[in-house]
Amino acid sequence: MKLKQYTITMESGTRFGGKYRDEAHVRDSYKHIRSKIAKIEQRPLWTPEEEAEMDADKAWHRAY
């Protein structure tokens, strides 16, 4: 079974991202956290533009 990218937003506003089978798998993975899940979206945590910006920033920090 192929895993899909999910973004999980907690009631506190904290966001997590990861690869899961489905929403039930997401809920099971976060049941130990005190804050309740406010929203589950099937999308990556970061946009491609944000990923590229972070990669460039990491490369700069590795070089200097």
C-alpha atoms as a PDB file:
ATOM      1  CA  MET A   1       0.000   0.000   0.000  1.00  0.00           C
ATOM      2  CA  LYS A   2       1.361   3.409  -0.988  1.00  0.00           C
ATOM      3  CA  LEU A   3       1.660   6.056   1.723  1.00  0.00           C
ATOM      4  CA  LYS A   4       0.240   9.539   1.151  1.00  0.00           C
ATOM      5  CA  GLN A   5       1.434  12.918   2.464  1.00  0.00           C
ATOM      6  CA  TYR A   6      -0.734  14.395   5.246  1.00  0.00           C
ATOM      7  CA  THR A   7      -0.663  17.631   7.207  1.00  0.00           C
ATOM      8  CA  ILE A   8      -2.113  17.381  10.706  1.00  0.00           C
ATOM      9  CA  THR A   9      -3.170  20.565  12.508  1.00  0.00           C
ATOM     10  CA  MET A  10      -3.723  20.333  16.250  1.00  0.00           C
ATOM     11  CA  GLU A  11      -6.181  22.476  18.245  1.00  0.00           C
ATOM     12  CA  SER A  12      -3.155  24.348  19.623  1.00  0.00           C
ATOM     13  CA  GLY A  13      -2.218  25.397  16.070  1.00  0.00           C
ATOM     14  CA  THR A  14       0.849  23.167  15.857  1.00  0.00           C
ATOM     15  CA  ARG A  15       1.237  21.450  12.494  1.00  0.00           C
ATOM     16  CA  PHE A  16       2.832  18.090  11.793  1.00  0.00           C
ATOM     17  CA  GLY A  17       3.460  16.366   8.506  1.00  0.00           C
ATOM     18  CA  GLY A  18       4.092  12.793   7.507  1.00  0.00           C
ATOM     19  CA  LYS A  19       3.275   9.852   5.304  1.00  0.00           C
ATOM     20  CA  TYR A  20       0.324   7.672   6.293  1.00  0.00           C
ATOM     21  CA  ARG A  21      -1.996   5.087   4.763  1.00  0.00           C
ATOM     22  CA  ASP A  22      -5.211   6.995   5.521  1.00  0.00           C
ATOM     23  CA  GLU A  23      -6.854   9.310   8.078  1.00  0.00           C
ATOM     24  CA  ALA A  24      -7.428   6.429  10.512  1.00  0.00           C
ATOM     25  CA  HIS A  25      -3.673   5.753  10.479  1.00  0.00           C
ATOM     26  CA  VAL A  26      -3.048   9.469  11.201  1.00  0.00           C
ATOM     27  CA  ARG A  27      -5.470   9.489  14.153  1.00  0.00           C
ATOM     28  CA  ASP A  28      -3.937   6.293  15.556  1.00  0.00           C
ATOM     29  CA  SER A  29      -0.423   7.786  15.291  1.00  0.00           C
ATOM     30  CA  TYR A  30      -1.392  10.945  17.219  1.00  0.00           C
ATOM     31  CA  LYS A  31      -3.676   9.477  19.895  1.00  0.00           C
ATOM     32  CA  HIS A  32      -0.897   9.769  22.534  1.00  0.00           C
ATOM     33  CA  ILE A  33      -0.712  13.581  22.198  1.00  0.00           C
ATOM     34  CA  ARG A  34      -2.776  15.627  24.665  1.00  0.00           C
ATOM     35  CA  SER A  35      -3.829  18.244  22.127  1.00  0.00           C
ATOM     36  CA  LYS A  36      -6.658  17.066  19.904  1.00  0.00           C
ATOM     37  CA  ILE A  37      -6.495  16.985  16.121  1.00  0.00           C
ATOM     38  CA  ALA A  38      -8.345  19.937  14.598  1.00  0.00           C
ATOM     39  CA  LYS A  39      -7.789  19.143  10.911  1.00  0.00           C
ATOM     40  CA  ILE A  40      -6.268  16.445   8.701  1.00  0.00           C
ATOM     41  CA  GLU A  41      -5.432  17.378   5.122  1.00  0.00           C
ATOM     42  CA  GLN A  42      -4.013  15.157   2.407  1.00  0.00           C
ATOM     43  CA  ARG A  43      -1.191  17.466   1.317  1.00  0.00           C
ATOM     44  CA  PRO A  44       2.494  17.967   2.118  1.00  0.00           C
ATOM     45  CA  LEU A  45       3.386  20.130   5.124  1.00  0.00           C
ATOM     46  CA  TRP A  46       5.529  22.467   3.001  1.00  0.00           C
ATOM     47  CA  THR A  47       4.876  23.833  -0.486  1.00  0.00           C
ATOM     48  CA  PRO A  48       7.501  23.120  -3.170  1.00  0.00           C
ATOM     49  CA  GLU A  49       8.614  26.769  -2.945  1.00  0.00           C
ATOM     50  CA  GLU A  50       9.094  26.529   0.829  1.00  0.00           C
ATOM     51  CA  GLU A  51      11.016  23.257   0.397  1.00  0.00           C
ATOM     52  CA  ALA A  52      13.334  24.879  -2.170  1.00  0.00           C
ATOM     53  CA  GLU A  53      13.917  27.882   0.103  1.00  0.00           C
ATOM     54  CA  MET A  54      14.737  25.641   3.087  1.00  0.00           C
ATOM     55  CA  ASP A  55      17.077  23.500   0.962  1.00  0.00           C
ATOM     56  CA  ALA A  56      18.936  26.602  -0.236  1.00  0.00           C
ATOM     57  CA  ASP A  57      19.199  27.909   3.334  1.00  0.00           C
ATOM     58  CA  LYS A  58      20.525  24.558   4.579  1.00  0.00           C
ATOM     59  CA  ALA A  59      23.092  24.459   1.763  1.00  0.00           C
ATOM     60  CA  TRP A  60      24.297  27.969   2.665  1.00  0.00           C
ATOM     61  CA  HIS A  61      24.667  27.003   6.338  1.00  0.00           C
ATOM     62  CA  ARG A  62      26.597  23.845   5.421  1.00  0.00           C
ATOM     63  CA  ALA A  63      28.980  25.894   3.265  1.00  0.00           C
ATOM     64  CA  TYR A  64      29.651  28.661   5.803  1.00  0.00           C
END
